[in-house]
Each structure stands twice: as C-alpha cells, then as structure tokens.
Amino acid sequence: MRKIAILLSAALTLTATAQTAGGGISEQMLQQMERQYATQPAHKALRNAIASNAIDNLTKNQENAGALDTYFSIETKKQSIHDQKSSGRCWMFSGLNVLRANFAKRTDSLTVEYSQAYLFFYDQLEKSNLMLQGVIDTAKEPIDAQRVQFFFHYPIGDGGTFCGVADLAEKYGLVPMSVQPETYSAESTSRMAAIIKSKLREYGLQLRQMVADGKKTADIQKAKTEALTQIYRMLCLTLGEPVKEFTYAFKNKDGKQLTETRKYTPKSFYEETVGGPLNGTFIMVMNDPRRPYYKTFEVEYDRHTYDGHNWKYLNLPMDDIEQLAIASLKDGRKLYSSYDVGKQLDRKRGYADTENFDYASLFGTTFGMTKAERISTFDSGSTHAMTLTAVDIAADGKASKWKVENSWGATWGQQGCLIMTDRWFREYMFRLVVDKQYVSDKLLKDYEQKPIMVMPEDPLFQEDE
C-alpha cells in the first residue's frame, strides 16, 4: 500500500510539473507569494481600507492638497468653455478653440463659436471614405494582413488631431454653433458609431470581393459611392443635415451685436473668420524620447480625409517645445496641445501634478518607468487634446506651471480649465501645434526633412479623444 501511495504521489507531482511547464505558476511559487503577503501585519488594515474606499482617495497626497496658485504671468484672453459630453471629439474642440481665439485676437472685439456637429458630420463621412478606399487599395492583400486589419478594426472613430481640423475646415468650411447645434448622437457617439462601423465592414467585404472578381474600377467606385450614400443618410439622421446657407451677425463677448446680419455659406464663413488656408501655416511638434530628436516623422494613413494630410510631426526635446509654447502665449496665441490626461489628475480640483497621488506607498512598491518606457509598453500616450492658454514663468526664467482650456464643461475643475505643474507637463505632454511665425528657421528646416514613415499601430499614435 505504501508503495502505491508513493507512486501515486510521484504521478501527481509529474502532473503538476507538466501543468506549469513553460512559465506557469507552480505550487511552490504560489506558496512563496502567500508567505510573503502573510508576513506583513499591515496588509489586513490596508485591505479593509481599500475594500470600502476609492484608491485615489486613499493615496491623495495631503502635502500636495493645499490651495492652488492660480496666478499666471502670461495668460491669453479667456473664452467660453464647451463640453464634448460623451464623445471623443476633444481634438475638434481644441482646434476650434484655437481658431475662434485667433479670430477674436484679430478683430479685437468680435467673438464666434463654431459648430462641432457640422464639422463632425464631414469628419465621419470622410473617415468612412478613407476606410472604404483603403480597403479597395489593399484588396489584393490577405484579409489578415496588418494594413487590411487596420481598416476593418478601425473603420471610423471620434478621435483625431489638429491636421483633421485643418483639412476638414478648408474643404467644407465652418458654421456657427447657433446655426447647427449639437444632437444627441453628436454628444453621445457610441451607438451611432457602432452601427456605422458594422455597415462599413459589410461594405468593405463587398468591395474586396469585387476586386477579387476582377470588376472594373468604375464599377467598384460606383459601389463605393452607393455605400457612402447610405452612410451619408445615417449621418444626416443622427447628426443633422449639414447647413448650406445661413444668416449671421457677429457679437462681442457681452452678447452685443456689432455687425449687420449677412448671408453666408460655410466656405464664406470660414474665409471671414479664419482668413485663409490653415495647411502650411503651422507645424506639429512631439516629444517622443524613444526616437531621435530634430527628425521629422509621418504616420501612414493617419489622416481624416483620403485626399488630405497625414499626421506629420517634428520630434523635439521638452525644452524646445516649452520655448515654442511660451513664444506663442506671449503673443496672445492659444495652442492645440495633447496629454496623457488620466495620469496623476485631481479631477475635483482640476489640477495635474506628479505628486498628487502616492500609489507606491499604498502598495509597497515603486513605479519607476521613464517616459520612453511608458510609451513603449502602452502605459502612457496621448489620450486627450486641450487648448494651452497660460504659463507662469518663475524667477529663474523657467516655466513653473501651465493652464489649458478643457472641453468637459464650464463647471469642471478650475472653471472649465486645468492647471498643471511643469514637472507633470514634461512627463505627460506629447503634442503641440505651433504657428510657423513662432518657430526658428532651424526648426522649420528640420521640419521640412523627408519624413520617416511610422506605423499607426504605434502606442503613441492613438488619436486624441
């Protein structure tokens, strides 16, 4: 009997070993974890506290919770705060914030608020065309090829960059918010997007099959147009039919009408308020410490319109980016910028600082990755665009804190704004769009280098939402 027991034990041991081959958790490993956890008497108290409290409430650094310093030595003129609601259109809100601020600065007294719903309509239509044409372009590749998968995985989305604002506004013009207001699906995009994505995938398969069957190019394009006609119908029903003509009179910030009422089209309103082409007037800069600085990069297929501009940027150290931002703000110009806004953000106060929350002490560990390491491992990346409006310069001449206009409503944070320390800014700021007049000749020359093409699947090239 003893011999049988020994053999049975050996068999069980072999079974356990077989189950953990290749890196599984063995019984010995599990026991080690259990012993180490049991040696810390404070764990029970911590577990009880975490079980009934939000982690951020337990880790809030009280030494960092004092009254906020809201003074800024350089600050642009305030403007109304908008709310993107349950949508990923932050890039559009930030971009249009910059355009309306430029108009107010140029006219000195007039104000304008652009319709996000109008431009979003054409953004979704253009992205639908980009997806379908991309499917046609790659139709001879296998369905599981990386680029084919890219189009079917991301047919459309709410996210984007300032490049999209430039391409869309130049092509379709702009209209006032009062002329085409928000709809439910503009403010809460998930259901509309899911339905349109499903239809686009269906159309994409049909177009691939037409290419495989050797159909004529004209017939394939006809089928694509018919598909887009259905998408157009769906967008009209959810976002409203785009305005073609309207009357409008400009007012000052107090609501007093200062101009006569005139008739406009979206294109003529764009000319009146923007004044000319946007493309060619700005550069986008990025801080990506994984890649060489002073080199230009371009993200393949990362654009809003098929016939538009890929996302192109100059990679710069944070010192250079800060100087570009300061030069623009000194001249009263707001800037499109983007961040990993979820990191170390005190939402209630509208305050971002690297010392807001002490997760390390609560969990008895450290969080030591560099910015480059966080990007490479998908731990950090650009998630949200906001409008950079102010900077405070310390006695040593360096930036100490920054302020942005957010698009989460006027009651959020600091009256709709977010204050961030410079140490947070350097760790979690990624993109900045700067008018060329504030960029040195050297950096402009660097920007004109032949760009290095990079893949849209890169962890840093998710669109701002």
Protein backbone atom coordinates (compact mmCIF):
# COMPACT_ATOMS: atom_id res chain seq x y z
CA MET A 1 0.00 0.00 0.00
CA ARG A 2 2.85 2.39 0.90
CA LYS A 3 4.47 1.71 -2.46
CA ILE A 4 1.20 2.53 -4.25
CA ALA A 5 0.91 5.78 -2.31
CA ILE A 6 4.48 6.74 -3.25
CA LEU A 7 3.80 6.02 -6.91
CA LEU A 8 0.53 8.00 -6.78
CA SER A 9 2.34 10.95 -5.18
CA ALA A 10 5.02 10.84 -7.84
CA ALA A 11 2.37 10.81 -10.56
CA LEU A 12 0.65 13.85 -9.09
CA THR A 13 4.00 15.65 -8.87
CA LEU A 14 4.68 14.90 -12.52
CA THR A 15 1.19 16.13 -13.43
CA ALA A 16 1.74 19.38 -11.53
CA THR A 17 5.12 19.83 -13.18
CA ALA A 18 3.59 19.22 -16.59
CA GLN A 19 0.91 21.86 -15.92
CA THR A 20 3.47 24.51 -15.05
CA ALA A 21 5.89 23.82 -17.89
CA GLY A 22 6.72 26.93 -19.93
CA GLY A 23 6.24 29.50 -17.20
CA GLY A 24 3.05 28.65 -15.35
CA ILE A 25 2.52 29.37 -11.63
CA SER A 26 3.73 26.36 -9.64
CA GLU A 27 2.56 25.39 -6.16
CA GLN A 28 5.95 26.41 -4.79
CA MET A 29 5.68 29.87 -6.38
CA LEU A 30 2.17 30.35 -5.00
CA GLN A 31 3.26 29.36 -1.50
CA GLN A 32 6.09 31.89 -1.66
CA MET A 33 3.65 34.65 -2.57
CA GLU A 34 1.29 33.64 0.24
CA ARG A 35 4.11 33.57 2.84
CA GLN A 36 5.42 36.98 1.87
CA TYR A 37 1.94 38.53 1.99
CA ALA A 38 1.27 36.95 5.41
CA THR A 39 4.45 38.43 6.92
CA GLN A 40 3.12 41.97 6.68
CA PRO A 41 0.59 42.66 9.50
CA ALA A 42 -0.40 45.98 7.94
CA HIS A 43 -1.86 44.22 4.93
CA LYS A 44 -5.11 43.44 6.73
CA ALA A 45 -5.72 47.08 7.60
CA LEU A 46 -4.83 48.17 4.06
CA ARG A 47 -7.11 45.54 2.57
CA ASN A 48 -10.00 46.68 4.74
CA ALA A 49 -9.42 50.32 3.79
CA ILE A 50 -9.17 49.61 0.05
CA ALA A 51 -12.26 47.39 0.15
CA SER A 52 -14.50 50.32 1.05
CA ASN A 53 -12.71 53.34 -0.45
CA ALA A 54 -11.58 54.61 -3.84
CA ILE A 55 -7.84 54.08 -4.32
CA ASP A 56 -7.33 57.74 -5.28
CA ASN A 57 -8.95 58.87 -2.03
CA LEU A 58 -6.51 56.73 -0.04
CA THR A 59 -3.44 57.78 -1.98
CA LYS A 60 -4.13 61.52 -2.22
CA ASN A 61 -1.00 63.31 -1.09
CA GLN A 62 -2.14 65.72 1.64
CA GLU A 63 1.12 67.65 1.38
CA ASN A 64 0.08 68.47 -2.18
CA ALA A 65 -3.56 69.29 -1.43
CA GLY A 66 -3.26 72.93 -0.39
CA ALA A 67 -4.78 75.94 -2.09
CA LEU A 68 -3.87 76.22 -5.75
CA ASP A 69 -1.83 79.12 -7.04
CA THR A 70 -3.99 80.38 -9.91
CA TYR A 71 -1.78 83.32 -10.93
CA PHE A 72 -0.14 83.17 -14.37
CA SER A 73 2.39 85.70 -15.56
CA ILE A 74 1.47 85.03 -19.21
CA GLU A 75 -2.19 84.36 -19.99
CA THR A 76 -4.31 84.65 -23.12
CA LYS A 77 -7.81 86.12 -23.10
CA LYS A 78 -10.50 83.88 -21.66
CA GLN A 79 -13.25 82.48 -23.83
CA SER A 80 -16.35 80.36 -23.24
CA ILE A 81 -15.84 76.71 -22.25
CA HIS A 82 -17.53 73.97 -24.24
CA ASP A 83 -18.45 70.39 -23.36
CA GLN A 84 -17.76 67.41 -25.63
CA LYS A 85 -20.05 65.28 -23.44
CA SER A 86 -19.83 61.51 -24.10
CA SER A 87 -17.81 61.81 -27.29
CA GLY A 88 -14.17 61.60 -28.31
CA ARG A 89 -14.04 64.92 -30.15
CA CYS A 90 -11.53 66.72 -27.92
CA TRP A 91 -9.22 67.32 -30.91
CA MET A 92 -12.01 69.21 -32.68
CA PHE A 93 -12.99 71.24 -29.62
CA SER A 94 -9.36 72.20 -29.02
CA GLY A 95 -8.71 73.00 -32.67
CA LEU A 96 -11.82 75.16 -32.98
CA ASN A 97 -10.91 76.86 -29.69
CA VAL A 98 -7.67 77.97 -31.31
CA LEU A 99 -9.42 79.22 -34.44
CA ARG A 100 -12.03 81.25 -32.56
CA ALA A 101 -9.33 82.69 -30.27
CA ASN A 102 -7.32 83.74 -33.34
CA PHE A 103 -10.43 85.44 -34.76
CA ALA A 104 -11.12 87.29 -31.50
CA LYS A 105 -7.49 88.43 -31.34
CA ARG A 106 -7.52 89.61 -34.95
CA THR A 107 -10.80 91.55 -34.63
CA ASP A 108 -10.14 92.71 -31.04
CA SER A 109 -13.82 92.61 -30.05
CA LEU A 110 -15.81 90.07 -32.10
CA THR A 111 -16.44 86.52 -30.94
CA VAL A 112 -17.53 83.34 -32.65
CA GLU A 113 -18.41 79.83 -31.52
CA TYR A 114 -18.11 77.18 -34.21
CA SER A 115 -20.43 74.21 -34.63
CA GLN A 116 -18.68 70.98 -33.72
CA ALA A 117 -21.66 68.98 -35.00
CA TYR A 118 -21.25 70.44 -38.51
CA LEU A 119 -17.58 69.58 -38.85
CA PHE A 120 -18.04 66.21 -37.13
CA PHE A 121 -20.56 65.22 -39.83
CA TYR A 122 -17.95 65.60 -42.53
CA ASP A 123 -15.26 64.06 -40.35
CA GLN A 124 -17.30 60.86 -40.08
CA LEU A 125 -18.17 60.89 -43.78
CA GLU A 126 -14.54 61.43 -44.79
CA LYS A 127 -13.29 58.74 -42.42
CA SER A 128 -15.84 56.36 -43.92
CA ASN A 129 -14.48 57.11 -47.39
CA LEU A 130 -10.91 56.71 -46.14
CA MET A 131 -11.78 53.26 -44.79
CA LEU A 132 -13.58 52.07 -47.93
CA GLN A 133 -10.93 53.39 -50.31
CA GLY A 134 -8.23 51.89 -48.09
CA VAL A 135 -9.98 48.53 -48.34
CA ILE A 136 -10.01 48.87 -52.13
CA ASP A 137 -6.32 49.84 -52.17
CA THR A 138 -5.37 46.77 -50.12
CA ALA A 139 -7.96 44.37 -51.55
CA LYS A 140 -5.33 42.07 -53.10
CA GLU A 141 -3.67 41.52 -49.73
CA PRO A 142 -4.88 38.73 -47.40
CA ILE A 143 -7.71 39.65 -45.02
CA ASP A 144 -5.36 39.14 -42.07
CA ALA A 145 -2.64 41.44 -43.45
CA GLN A 146 -1.73 44.20 -40.99
CA ARG A 147 -2.96 47.12 -43.08
CA VAL A 148 -6.19 45.35 -44.08
CA GLN A 149 -6.81 44.59 -40.41
CA PHE A 150 -6.20 48.25 -39.59
CA PHE A 151 -9.07 49.39 -41.82
CA PHE A 152 -11.53 46.76 -40.60
CA HIS A 153 -10.54 47.19 -36.95
CA TYR A 154 -10.85 51.00 -37.02
CA PRO A 155 -13.38 51.87 -39.77
CA ILE A 156 -14.15 55.23 -38.14
CA GLY A 157 -13.63 56.85 -34.75
CA ASP A 158 -14.27 60.05 -32.83
CA GLY A 159 -10.58 60.77 -32.27
CA GLY A 160 -8.24 62.88 -34.33
CA THR A 161 -5.63 65.62 -34.44
CA PHE A 162 -5.38 69.25 -35.49
CA CYS A 163 -4.46 68.07 -39.00
CA GLY A 164 -8.07 66.94 -39.29
CA VAL A 165 -9.40 70.37 -38.31
CA ALA A 166 -7.23 71.98 -40.99
CA ASP A 167 -8.20 69.56 -43.78
CA LEU A 168 -11.91 69.45 -42.95
CA ALA A 169 -12.38 73.20 -42.36
CA GLU A 170 -10.57 74.12 -45.57
CA LYS A 171 -12.64 71.65 -47.58
CA TYR A 172 -16.10 72.12 -46.06
CA GLY A 173 -15.93 75.46 -44.29
CA LEU A 174 -17.31 76.27 -40.84
CA VAL A 175 -20.64 77.39 -39.41
CA PRO A 176 -21.64 78.98 -36.08
CA MET A 177 -22.80 76.73 -33.26
CA SER A 178 -26.16 78.51 -33.21
CA VAL A 179 -26.75 77.53 -36.85
CA GLN A 180 -26.09 73.81 -36.40
CA PRO A 181 -26.31 72.86 -32.71
CA GLU A 182 -25.36 69.56 -31.10
CA THR A 183 -27.60 66.50 -31.37
CA TYR A 184 -27.87 63.55 -29.01
CA SER A 185 -25.65 61.39 -31.25
CA ALA A 186 -23.06 64.16 -31.55
CA GLU A 187 -22.77 64.33 -27.76
CA SER A 188 -23.09 60.56 -27.23
CA THR A 189 -21.46 58.90 -30.23
CA SER A 190 -21.06 55.26 -29.22
CA ARG A 191 -24.27 53.75 -30.61
CA MET A 192 -24.18 55.72 -33.87
CA ALA A 193 -20.52 54.80 -34.36
CA ALA A 194 -21.12 51.10 -33.67
CA ILE A 195 -23.91 50.92 -36.27
CA ILE A 196 -21.92 52.77 -38.92
CA LYS A 197 -18.81 50.69 -38.25
CA SER A 198 -20.80 47.49 -38.77
CA LYS A 199 -22.17 48.77 -42.07
CA LEU A 200 -18.73 49.89 -43.25
CA ARG A 201 -17.27 46.46 -42.54
CA GLU A 202 -20.05 44.89 -44.57
CA TYR A 203 -19.40 47.27 -47.45
CA GLY A 204 -15.66 46.65 -47.14
CA LEU A 205 -16.12 42.92 -47.67
CA GLN A 206 -18.28 43.57 -50.70
CA LEU A 207 -15.66 45.87 -52.25
CA ARG A 208 -12.89 43.33 -51.59
CA GLN A 209 -14.95 40.70 -53.37
CA MET A 210 -15.47 42.99 -56.36
CA VAL A 211 -11.72 43.45 -56.66
CA ALA A 212 -11.19 39.68 -56.35
CA ASP A 213 -13.78 39.09 -59.08
CA GLY A 214 -11.90 41.45 -61.41
CA LYS A 215 -14.63 44.10 -61.62
CA LYS A 216 -13.86 47.32 -63.47
CA THR A 217 -12.52 50.26 -61.46
CA ALA A 218 -15.52 52.37 -62.47
CA ASP A 219 -17.92 49.74 -61.13
CA ILE A 220 -16.00 49.49 -57.86
CA GLN A 221 -16.07 53.26 -57.41
CA LYS A 222 -19.79 53.30 -58.20
CA ALA A 223 -20.38 50.71 -55.48
CA LYS A 224 -18.30 52.75 -53.04
CA THR A 225 -20.34 55.86 -53.82
CA GLU A 226 -23.56 53.95 -53.21
CA ALA A 227 -22.18 52.74 -49.88
CA LEU A 228 -21.22 56.27 -48.86
CA THR A 229 -24.67 57.48 -49.86
CA GLN A 230 -26.12 55.18 -47.21
CA ILE A 231 -23.55 56.41 -44.65
CA TYR A 232 -24.48 59.99 -45.56
CA ARG A 233 -28.13 59.17 -44.87
CA MET A 234 -27.27 57.67 -41.50
CA LEU A 235 -25.21 60.71 -40.55
CA CYS A 236 -28.00 63.12 -41.57
CA LEU A 237 -30.44 61.24 -39.38
CA THR A 238 -28.14 61.26 -36.36
CA LEU A 239 -26.12 64.49 -36.66
CA GLY A 240 -28.43 66.60 -38.79
CA GLU A 241 -28.15 67.57 -42.45
CA PRO A 242 -25.19 69.94 -42.92
CA VAL A 243 -26.14 73.60 -43.25
CA LYS A 244 -25.60 75.01 -46.76
CA GLU A 245 -26.56 78.66 -46.26
CA PHE A 246 -27.42 80.84 -43.26
CA THR A 247 -27.58 84.39 -41.91
CA TYR A 248 -25.42 85.60 -39.05
CA ALA A 249 -24.33 88.73 -37.18
CA PHE A 250 -21.21 88.90 -35.04
CA LYS A 251 -21.38 89.89 -31.37
CA ASN A 252 -18.88 90.85 -28.69
CA LYS A 253 -18.18 88.79 -25.57
CA ASP A 254 -21.07 90.52 -23.78
CA GLY A 255 -23.54 89.44 -26.46
CA LYS A 256 -23.96 92.87 -28.07
CA GLN A 257 -24.40 92.72 -31.85
CA LEU A 258 -21.61 94.64 -33.56
CA THR A 259 -22.11 93.84 -37.25
CA GLU A 260 -25.05 93.78 -39.62
CA THR A 261 -26.71 90.46 -40.37
CA ARG A 262 -25.27 88.88 -43.50
CA LYS A 263 -25.83 85.76 -45.57
CA TYR A 264 -23.05 83.16 -45.52
CA THR A 265 -22.14 79.76 -46.84
CA PRO A 266 -19.86 77.53 -44.74
CA LYS A 267 -16.95 78.33 -47.06
CA SER A 268 -17.52 82.10 -46.97
CA PHE A 269 -17.90 81.99 -43.18
CA TYR A 270 -14.59 80.14 -42.99
CA GLU A 271 -12.95 82.85 -45.12
CA GLU A 272 -14.49 85.58 -42.95
CA THR A 273 -13.38 84.10 -39.64
CA VAL A 274 -10.21 82.13 -40.42
CA GLY A 275 -8.99 84.30 -43.25
CA GLY A 276 -7.20 81.79 -45.44
CA PRO A 277 -5.68 78.30 -45.66
CA LEU A 278 -4.56 76.61 -42.46
CA ASN A 279 -2.33 73.99 -44.02
CA GLY A 280 1.17 75.37 -44.40
CA THR A 281 0.79 77.88 -41.56
CA PHE A 282 1.65 75.56 -38.65
CA ILE A 283 3.84 72.68 -37.60
CA MET A 284 3.09 69.89 -35.16
CA VAL A 285 5.83 69.03 -32.69
CA MET A 286 6.01 65.95 -30.50
CA ASN A 287 8.01 64.78 -27.51
CA ASP A 288 8.81 61.10 -28.08
CA PRO A 289 12.02 60.21 -26.20
CA ARG A 290 12.11 56.78 -27.89
CA ARG A 291 13.03 58.37 -31.22
CA PRO A 292 15.82 60.73 -32.31
CA TYR A 293 15.15 64.42 -31.80
CA TYR A 294 15.16 67.01 -34.59
CA LYS A 295 13.87 64.41 -37.04
CA THR A 296 10.52 64.54 -38.83
CA PHE A 297 8.08 61.63 -38.79
CA GLU A 298 4.86 60.89 -40.63
CA VAL A 299 2.16 58.45 -39.58
CA GLU A 300 0.96 56.36 -42.51
CA TYR A 301 -2.80 56.53 -43.22
CA ASP A 302 -3.32 58.64 -40.10
CA ARG A 303 -5.44 61.39 -41.61
CA HIS A 304 -9.08 62.41 -41.68
CA THR A 305 -9.60 62.67 -45.43
CA TYR A 306 -8.26 60.36 -48.11
CA ASP A 307 -7.02 63.35 -50.11
CA GLY A 308 -5.75 65.19 -47.01
CA HIS A 309 -2.55 65.31 -45.00
CA ASN A 310 -1.05 62.51 -42.95
CA TRP A 311 -0.17 63.35 -39.40
CA LYS A 312 3.39 64.74 -39.66
CA TYR A 313 5.47 65.99 -36.75
CA LEU A 314 8.92 67.15 -35.68
CA ASN A 315 10.26 65.30 -32.63
CA LEU A 316 11.73 67.73 -30.09
CA PRO A 317 13.04 67.75 -26.51
CA MET A 318 10.70 69.30 -23.97
CA ASP A 319 12.95 72.35 -23.54
CA ASP A 320 12.39 73.30 -27.18
CA ILE A 321 8.66 72.58 -27.02
CA GLU A 322 8.27 74.78 -23.96
CA GLN A 323 10.05 77.68 -25.64
CA LEU A 324 7.73 77.41 -28.66
CA ALA A 325 4.70 77.41 -26.36
CA ILE A 326 5.94 80.40 -24.36
CA ALA A 327 6.65 82.43 -27.52
CA SER A 328 3.13 81.84 -28.78
CA LEU A 329 1.43 82.57 -25.45
CA LYS A 330 3.43 85.78 -25.02
CA ASP A 331 1.88 86.99 -28.26
CA GLY A 332 -1.61 86.11 -27.03
CA ARG A 333 -1.95 82.97 -29.17
CA LYS A 334 -3.54 79.83 -27.73
CA LEU A 335 -2.23 76.43 -28.86
CA TYR A 336 -3.61 72.99 -29.62
CA SER A 337 -1.90 70.51 -27.29
CA SER A 338 -2.42 66.93 -26.09
CA TYR A 339 -1.64 64.92 -22.97
CA ASP A 340 -2.00 61.67 -21.09
CA VAL A 341 -4.63 63.38 -19.01
CA GLY A 342 -5.58 60.42 -16.82
CA LYS A 343 -2.23 60.26 -15.05
CA GLN A 344 -1.99 61.91 -11.61
CA LEU A 345 -5.04 64.09 -12.29
CA ASP A 346 -7.01 65.53 -9.38
CA ARG A 347 -10.31 65.87 -11.22
CA LYS A 348 -12.12 67.65 -8.42
CA ARG A 349 -9.59 70.47 -8.26
CA GLY A 350 -8.66 70.46 -11.96
CA TYR A 351 -5.02 70.02 -11.03
CA ALA A 352 -2.36 67.75 -12.55
CA ASP A 353 0.92 67.10 -10.73
CA THR A 354 3.24 64.10 -10.49
CA GLU A 355 2.86 64.15 -6.67
CA ASN A 356 -0.95 64.21 -6.45
CA PHE A 357 -1.28 60.52 -5.55
CA ASP A 358 1.14 58.21 -3.73
CA TYR A 359 0.29 54.80 -5.15
CA ALA A 360 3.75 53.49 -4.30
CA SER A 361 3.35 53.81 -0.54
CA LEU A 362 -0.10 52.22 -0.53
CA PHE A 363 1.04 49.14 -2.41
CA GLY A 364 4.57 48.94 -1.04
CA THR A 365 6.33 49.20 -4.37
CA THR A 366 7.74 51.74 -6.81
CA PHE A 367 6.68 52.97 -10.26
CA GLY A 368 9.96 53.78 -11.94
CA MET A 369 9.44 53.70 -15.70
CA THR A 370 10.73 56.61 -17.75
CA LYS A 371 8.55 58.46 -20.24
CA ALA A 372 10.09 56.46 -23.09
CA GLU A 373 9.48 53.17 -21.27
CA ARG A 374 5.87 54.08 -20.52
CA ILE A 375 5.24 54.86 -24.19
CA SER A 376 6.93 51.67 -25.42
CA THR A 377 4.85 49.47 -23.12
CA PHE A 378 1.49 51.19 -23.83
CA ASP A 379 1.45 52.52 -20.25
CA SER A 380 1.30 56.13 -21.44
CA GLY A 381 0.37 58.01 -24.57
CA SER A 382 -1.59 60.97 -25.86
CA THR A 383 -5.21 60.50 -24.82
CA HIS A 384 -6.78 63.95 -24.73
CA ALA A 385 -6.38 67.28 -26.51
CA MET A 386 -6.80 70.59 -24.70
CA THR A 387 -6.13 74.23 -25.53
CA LEU A 388 -2.97 75.66 -23.95
CA THR A 389 -3.77 79.15 -22.68
CA ALA A 390 -1.30 80.27 -20.00
CA VAL A 391 2.12 79.77 -18.43
CA ASP A 392 3.70 81.08 -15.25
CA ILE A 393 7.37 81.96 -15.51
CA ALA A 394 9.37 81.59 -12.28
CA ALA A 395 12.18 83.85 -11.08
CA ASP A 396 14.77 81.66 -12.81
CA GLY A 397 13.07 82.29 -16.16
CA LYS A 398 11.67 78.78 -16.49
CA ALA A 399 8.07 77.64 -16.61
CA SER A 400 6.63 76.58 -13.25
CA LYS A 401 3.05 75.78 -14.25
CA TRP A 402 0.66 75.81 -17.21
CA LYS A 403 -3.08 76.16 -17.84
CA VAL A 404 -5.35 74.70 -20.51
CA GLU A 405 -8.96 75.19 -21.53
CA ASN A 406 -10.63 71.81 -21.33
CA SER A 407 -13.78 70.56 -23.10
CA TRP A 408 -15.53 68.94 -20.12
CA GLY A 409 -17.86 71.85 -19.35
CA ALA A 410 -17.53 75.17 -17.52
CA THR A 411 -18.20 73.69 -14.06
CA TRP A 412 -15.33 71.18 -14.23
CA GLY A 413 -12.01 71.85 -12.49
CA GLN A 414 -10.89 75.46 -12.47
CA GLN A 415 -13.96 76.97 -14.17
CA GLY A 416 -13.51 74.55 -17.04
CA CYS A 417 -9.72 74.79 -17.05
CA LEU A 418 -6.89 72.54 -15.86
CA ILE A 419 -3.76 73.73 -14.07
CA MET A 420 -0.66 71.54 -14.41
CA THR A 421 2.79 71.79 -12.87
CA ASP A 422 5.77 71.92 -15.18
CA ARG A 423 7.07 68.57 -13.89
CA TRP A 424 3.75 66.96 -14.88
CA PHE A 425 3.77 68.84 -18.19
CA ARG A 426 7.17 67.40 -19.07
CA GLU A 427 6.14 63.84 -18.26
CA TYR A 428 2.68 63.70 -19.79
CA MET A 429 2.54 66.33 -22.53
CA PHE A 430 3.03 64.95 -26.06
CA ARG A 431 1.85 67.16 -28.93
CA LEU A 432 1.79 70.87 -29.69
CA VAL A 433 0.64 72.72 -32.80
CA VAL A 434 2.53 75.98 -33.32
CA ASP A 435 2.07 78.74 -35.88
CA LYS A 436 5.22 78.95 -38.01
CA GLN A 437 5.82 82.58 -37.08
CA TYR A 438 6.99 81.40 -33.63
CA VAL A 439 9.32 78.70 -34.97
CA SER A 440 13.02 79.30 -35.63
CA ASP A 441 14.47 78.91 -39.13
CA LYS A 442 16.48 75.93 -37.93
CA LEU A 443 13.42 74.07 -36.64
CA LEU A 444 11.45 74.94 -39.77
CA LYS A 445 14.28 73.45 -41.82
CA ASP A 446 14.26 70.35 -39.62
CA TYR A 447 10.51 70.06 -40.16
CA GLU A 448 10.98 70.04 -43.93
CA GLN A 449 13.22 66.96 -43.83
CA LYS A 450 11.94 63.93 -45.69
CA PRO A 451 9.80 62.31 -43.01
CA ILE A 452 10.48 58.86 -41.59
CA MET A 453 7.30 56.81 -42.08
CA VAL A 454 5.93 55.15 -38.94
CA MET A 455 3.01 52.80 -38.40
CA PRO A 456 -0.35 53.94 -36.99
CA GLU A 457 -0.32 50.93 -34.64
CA ASP A 458 2.49 52.55 -32.64
CA PRO A 459 1.49 53.08 -28.98
CA LEU A 460 1.93 56.84 -29.22
CA PHE A 461 -0.15 57.35 -32.33
CA GLN A 462 -3.60 56.77 -30.93
CA GLU A 463 -5.79 59.74 -31.78
CA ASP A 464 -6.77 62.36 -29.23
CA GLU A 465 -10.23 61.84 -27.76
